Amino acid sequence: MLRLGLLLLVVPAVLLMAGYMYDLSLADACLEQGGSWDYRAARCDEAGAAHPFTPFMVRHPLWVNGGMLLSVVGLLLCIAGLYRRR
C-alpha cells in the first residue's frame, strides 16, 4: 500500500509540472519569434494580435483537479501504509 501511495503522490505532480513546462515553453518560443500566443487555441498568432493570458488551471481544470485528487489519495495511502506497518 505504501508503494502505491508513493506512486500516486509523486507521479501526478510530476506530470502536471511537465505539462505546465511544455505549455510554457510553447508560449515562450512563440514570443521569441515575435508572435502572440493564443492560450485558448494553443497556437502562435503571427499577426501580432494581443491575446489575453489564461492560466493553466482555467484551460485544463480536469488535469489539475484530477492530479491533485490523486496526490491526496496517494498521501492518504502513504499514511495508512506507514501506520499499518508499526
N, C-alpha and C. Protein backbone atom coordinates (compact mmCIF):
# COMPACT_ATOMS: atom_id res chain seq x y z
N MET A 1 0.82 -1.19 0.00
CA MET A 1 0.00 0.00 0.00
C MET A 1 0.87 1.26 0.00
N LEU A 2 2.02 1.17 0.66
CA LEU A 2 2.91 2.32 0.73
C LEU A 2 3.48 2.66 -0.65
N ARG A 3 3.85 1.64 -1.42
CA ARG A 3 4.40 1.88 -2.75
C ARG A 3 3.37 2.52 -3.68
N LEU A 4 2.15 2.01 -3.63
CA LEU A 4 1.09 2.59 -4.44
C LEU A 4 0.82 4.03 -4.02
N GLY A 5 0.84 4.28 -2.72
CA GLY A 5 0.63 5.63 -2.22
C GLY A 5 1.72 6.59 -2.68
N LEU A 6 2.97 6.14 -2.62
CA LEU A 6 4.07 6.98 -3.09
C LEU A 6 3.96 7.25 -4.58
N LEU A 7 3.56 6.23 -5.33
CA LEU A 7 3.39 6.39 -6.77
C LEU A 7 2.30 7.42 -7.08
N LEU A 8 1.18 7.30 -6.38
CA LEU A 8 0.08 8.24 -6.60
C LEU A 8 0.39 9.63 -6.07
N LEU A 9 1.28 9.71 -5.11
CA LEU A 9 1.65 11.01 -4.57
C LEU A 9 2.58 11.77 -5.50
N VAL A 10 3.51 11.06 -6.13
CA VAL A 10 4.56 11.71 -6.90
C VAL A 10 4.22 11.86 -8.39
N VAL A 11 3.71 10.81 -9.01
CA VAL A 11 3.53 10.81 -10.47
C VAL A 11 2.58 11.90 -10.96
N PRO A 12 1.41 12.10 -10.35
CA PRO A 12 0.54 13.18 -10.86
C PRO A 12 1.18 14.57 -10.77
N ALA A 13 1.92 14.82 -9.69
CA ALA A 13 2.57 16.12 -9.55
C ALA A 13 3.64 16.32 -10.63
N VAL A 14 4.40 15.26 -10.91
CA VAL A 14 5.44 15.36 -11.94
C VAL A 14 4.80 15.57 -13.32
N LEU A 15 3.72 14.86 -13.60
CA LEU A 15 3.04 15.02 -14.88
C LEU A 15 2.43 16.42 -15.04
N LEU A 16 1.89 16.96 -13.97
CA LEU A 16 1.35 18.32 -14.02
C LEU A 16 2.46 19.34 -14.27
N MET A 17 3.59 19.17 -13.60
CA MET A 17 4.71 20.08 -13.83
C MET A 17 5.23 19.96 -15.25
N ALA A 18 5.29 18.74 -15.77
CA ALA A 18 5.77 18.55 -17.15
C ALA A 18 4.82 19.20 -18.15
N GLY A 19 3.52 19.02 -17.95
CA GLY A 19 2.54 19.65 -18.83
C GLY A 19 2.60 21.16 -18.78
N TYR A 20 2.77 21.71 -17.58
CA TYR A 20 2.87 23.16 -17.44
C TYR A 20 4.14 23.69 -18.11
N MET A 21 5.25 23.00 -17.92
CA MET A 21 6.51 23.45 -18.51
C MET A 21 6.47 23.35 -20.04
N TYR A 22 5.84 22.31 -20.57
CA TYR A 22 5.68 22.19 -22.02
C TYR A 22 4.85 23.34 -22.58
N ASP A 23 3.75 23.63 -21.91
CA ASP A 23 2.89 24.73 -22.32
C ASP A 23 3.63 26.07 -22.25
N LEU A 24 4.40 26.25 -21.20
CA LEU A 24 5.17 27.47 -21.04
C LEU A 24 6.24 27.61 -22.12
N SER A 25 6.88 26.49 -22.47
CA SER A 25 7.92 26.55 -23.50
C SER A 25 7.34 26.87 -24.87
N LEU A 26 6.14 26.38 -25.16
CA LEU A 26 5.50 26.73 -26.43
C LEU A 26 5.19 28.22 -26.50
N ALA A 27 4.66 28.76 -25.42
CA ALA A 27 4.34 30.19 -25.39
C ALA A 27 5.61 31.03 -25.48
N ASP A 28 6.66 30.61 -24.81
CA ASP A 28 7.91 31.35 -24.83
C ASP A 28 8.55 31.34 -26.22
N ALA A 29 8.50 30.19 -26.89
CA ALA A 29 9.05 30.10 -28.25
C ALA A 29 8.28 31.02 -29.21
N CYS A 30 6.98 31.09 -29.03
CA CYS A 30 6.16 31.96 -29.88
C CYS A 30 6.52 33.43 -29.65
N LEU A 31 6.68 33.80 -28.38
CA LEU A 31 7.02 35.19 -28.07
C LEU A 31 8.40 35.55 -28.59
N GLU A 32 9.34 34.60 -28.57
CA GLU A 32 10.67 34.87 -29.10
C GLU A 32 10.66 35.09 -30.61
N GLN A 33 9.69 34.49 -31.29
CA GLN A 33 9.56 34.67 -32.74
C GLN A 33 8.82 35.96 -33.09
N GLY A 34 8.33 36.66 -32.09
CA GLY A 34 7.62 37.92 -32.33
C GLY A 34 6.13 37.77 -32.46
N GLY A 35 5.62 36.58 -32.18
CA GLY A 35 4.18 36.35 -32.28
C GLY A 35 3.48 36.58 -30.96
N SER A 36 2.22 36.25 -30.96
CA SER A 36 1.40 36.33 -29.75
C SER A 36 0.77 34.96 -29.52
N TRP A 37 0.95 34.41 -28.33
CA TRP A 37 0.46 33.08 -28.03
C TRP A 37 -1.02 33.14 -27.66
N ASP A 38 -1.83 32.40 -28.39
CA ASP A 38 -3.26 32.30 -28.11
C ASP A 38 -3.44 31.11 -27.17
N TYR A 39 -3.67 31.40 -25.89
CA TYR A 39 -3.75 30.34 -24.89
C TYR A 39 -4.97 29.46 -25.07
N ARG A 40 -6.07 30.02 -25.51
CA ARG A 40 -7.30 29.22 -25.69
C ARG A 40 -7.16 28.23 -26.83
N ALA A 41 -6.57 28.63 -27.94
CA ALA A 41 -6.42 27.76 -29.11
C ALA A 41 -5.11 27.00 -29.10
N ALA A 42 -4.20 27.36 -28.19
CA ALA A 42 -2.87 26.74 -28.08
C ALA A 42 -2.11 26.80 -29.41
N ARG A 43 -2.04 28.02 -29.96
CA ARG A 43 -1.30 28.20 -31.20
C ARG A 43 -0.70 29.60 -31.21
N CYS A 44 0.32 29.73 -32.06
CA CYS A 44 1.02 31.01 -32.18
C CYS A 44 0.34 31.85 -33.27
N ASP A 45 0.02 33.08 -32.93
CA ASP A 45 -0.60 34.00 -33.87
C ASP A 45 0.48 34.95 -34.38
N GLU A 46 0.83 34.81 -35.63
CA GLU A 46 1.90 35.62 -36.21
C GLU A 46 1.44 37.03 -36.56
N ALA A 47 0.15 37.26 -36.59
CA ALA A 47 -0.37 38.57 -36.98
C ALA A 47 -0.07 39.64 -35.94
N GLY A 48 0.28 39.24 -34.75
CA GLY A 48 0.63 40.21 -33.72
C GLY A 48 -0.55 40.67 -32.89
N ALA A 49 -1.70 40.02 -33.02
CA ALA A 49 -2.84 40.39 -32.20
C ALA A 49 -2.56 40.01 -30.76
N ALA A 50 -2.92 40.88 -29.84
CA ALA A 50 -2.67 40.61 -28.42
C ALA A 50 -3.76 39.68 -27.88
N HIS A 51 -3.33 38.57 -27.30
CA HIS A 51 -4.26 37.61 -26.70
C HIS A 51 -4.12 37.69 -25.19
N PRO A 52 -5.24 37.63 -24.48
CA PRO A 52 -5.15 37.70 -23.01
C PRO A 52 -4.55 36.40 -22.44
N PHE A 53 -3.88 36.55 -21.31
CA PHE A 53 -3.31 35.38 -20.62
C PHE A 53 -4.43 34.60 -19.95
N THR A 54 -4.42 33.30 -20.15
CA THR A 54 -5.37 32.41 -19.50
C THR A 54 -4.57 31.39 -18.71
N PRO A 55 -4.75 31.31 -17.39
CA PRO A 55 -3.95 30.40 -16.58
C PRO A 55 -4.13 28.93 -16.97
N PHE A 56 -3.13 28.14 -16.67
CA PHE A 56 -3.14 26.71 -16.96
C PHE A 56 -4.32 26.02 -16.28
N MET A 57 -4.63 26.43 -15.07
CA MET A 57 -5.75 25.84 -14.31
C MET A 57 -7.09 26.06 -15.01
N VAL A 58 -7.25 27.21 -15.64
CA VAL A 58 -8.51 27.52 -16.32
C VAL A 58 -8.63 26.72 -17.61
N ARG A 59 -7.49 26.51 -18.29
CA ARG A 59 -7.51 25.78 -19.55
C ARG A 59 -7.58 24.27 -19.38
N HIS A 60 -7.06 23.75 -18.27
CA HIS A 60 -7.03 22.30 -18.03
C HIS A 60 -7.50 21.97 -16.62
N PRO A 61 -8.75 22.27 -16.29
CA PRO A 61 -9.20 22.04 -14.91
C PRO A 61 -9.26 20.56 -14.53
N LEU A 62 -9.59 19.70 -15.48
CA LEU A 62 -9.67 18.27 -15.16
C LEU A 62 -8.30 17.70 -14.85
N TRP A 63 -7.29 18.11 -15.61
CA TRP A 63 -5.92 17.63 -15.35
C TRP A 63 -5.44 18.08 -13.98
N VAL A 64 -5.63 19.35 -13.67
CA VAL A 64 -5.12 19.89 -12.41
C VAL A 64 -5.89 19.33 -11.23
N ASN A 65 -7.21 19.37 -11.28
CA ASN A 65 -8.00 18.87 -10.16
C ASN A 65 -7.87 17.36 -10.00
N GLY A 66 -7.85 16.64 -11.12
CA GLY A 66 -7.68 15.19 -11.04
C GLY A 66 -6.32 14.81 -10.52
N GLY A 67 -5.28 15.51 -10.97
CA GLY A 67 -3.93 15.23 -10.48
C GLY A 67 -3.78 15.51 -9.00
N MET A 68 -4.36 16.60 -8.55
CA MET A 68 -4.28 16.92 -7.13
C MET A 68 -5.09 15.93 -6.29
N LEU A 69 -6.22 15.48 -6.81
CA LEU A 69 -7.02 14.49 -6.10
C LEU A 69 -6.25 13.17 -5.98
N LEU A 70 -5.60 12.76 -7.06
CA LEU A 70 -4.78 11.54 -6.99
C LEU A 70 -3.63 11.69 -6.01
N SER A 71 -3.04 12.86 -5.95
CA SER A 71 -1.95 13.09 -4.99
C SER A 71 -2.45 13.01 -3.55
N VAL A 72 -3.63 13.53 -3.30
CA VAL A 72 -4.19 13.45 -1.94
C VAL A 72 -4.51 12.00 -1.59
N VAL A 73 -5.06 11.25 -2.54
CA VAL A 73 -5.32 9.83 -2.29
C VAL A 73 -4.01 9.10 -2.02
N GLY A 74 -2.97 9.43 -2.78
CA GLY A 74 -1.66 8.84 -2.55
C GLY A 74 -1.12 9.18 -1.17
N LEU A 75 -1.31 10.41 -0.73
CA LEU A 75 -0.88 10.80 0.60
C LEU A 75 -1.61 9.99 1.68
N LEU A 76 -2.90 9.83 1.52
CA LEU A 76 -3.67 9.05 2.48
C LEU A 76 -3.24 7.58 2.49
N LEU A 77 -2.94 7.02 1.31
CA LEU A 77 -2.45 5.65 1.25
C LEU A 77 -1.08 5.52 1.90
N CYS A 78 -0.23 6.52 1.74
CA CYS A 78 1.08 6.51 2.40
C CYS A 78 0.92 6.54 3.92
N ILE A 79 0.04 7.39 4.39
CA ILE A 79 -0.19 7.46 5.84
C ILE A 79 -0.73 6.14 6.36
N ALA A 80 -1.69 5.56 5.63
CA ALA A 80 -2.25 4.27 6.05
C ALA A 80 -1.18 3.17 6.00
N GLY A 81 -0.35 3.17 4.98
CA GLY A 81 0.70 2.17 4.87
C GLY A 81 1.74 2.29 5.97
N LEU A 82 2.10 3.51 6.34
CA LEU A 82 3.07 3.70 7.41
C LEU A 82 2.45 3.38 8.77
N TYR A 83 1.19 3.67 8.95
CA TYR A 83 0.52 3.38 10.20
C TYR A 83 0.35 1.89 10.42
N ARG A 84 0.03 1.19 9.35
CA ARG A 84 -0.25 -0.24 9.43
C ARG A 84 1.02 -1.05 9.71
N ARG A 85 2.19 -0.61 9.26
CA ARG A 85 3.43 -1.35 9.44
C ARG A 85 3.90 -1.37 10.88
N ARG A 86 3.55 -0.41 11.66
CA ARG A 86 4.04 -0.34 13.04
C ARG A 86 3.20 -1.13 13.93
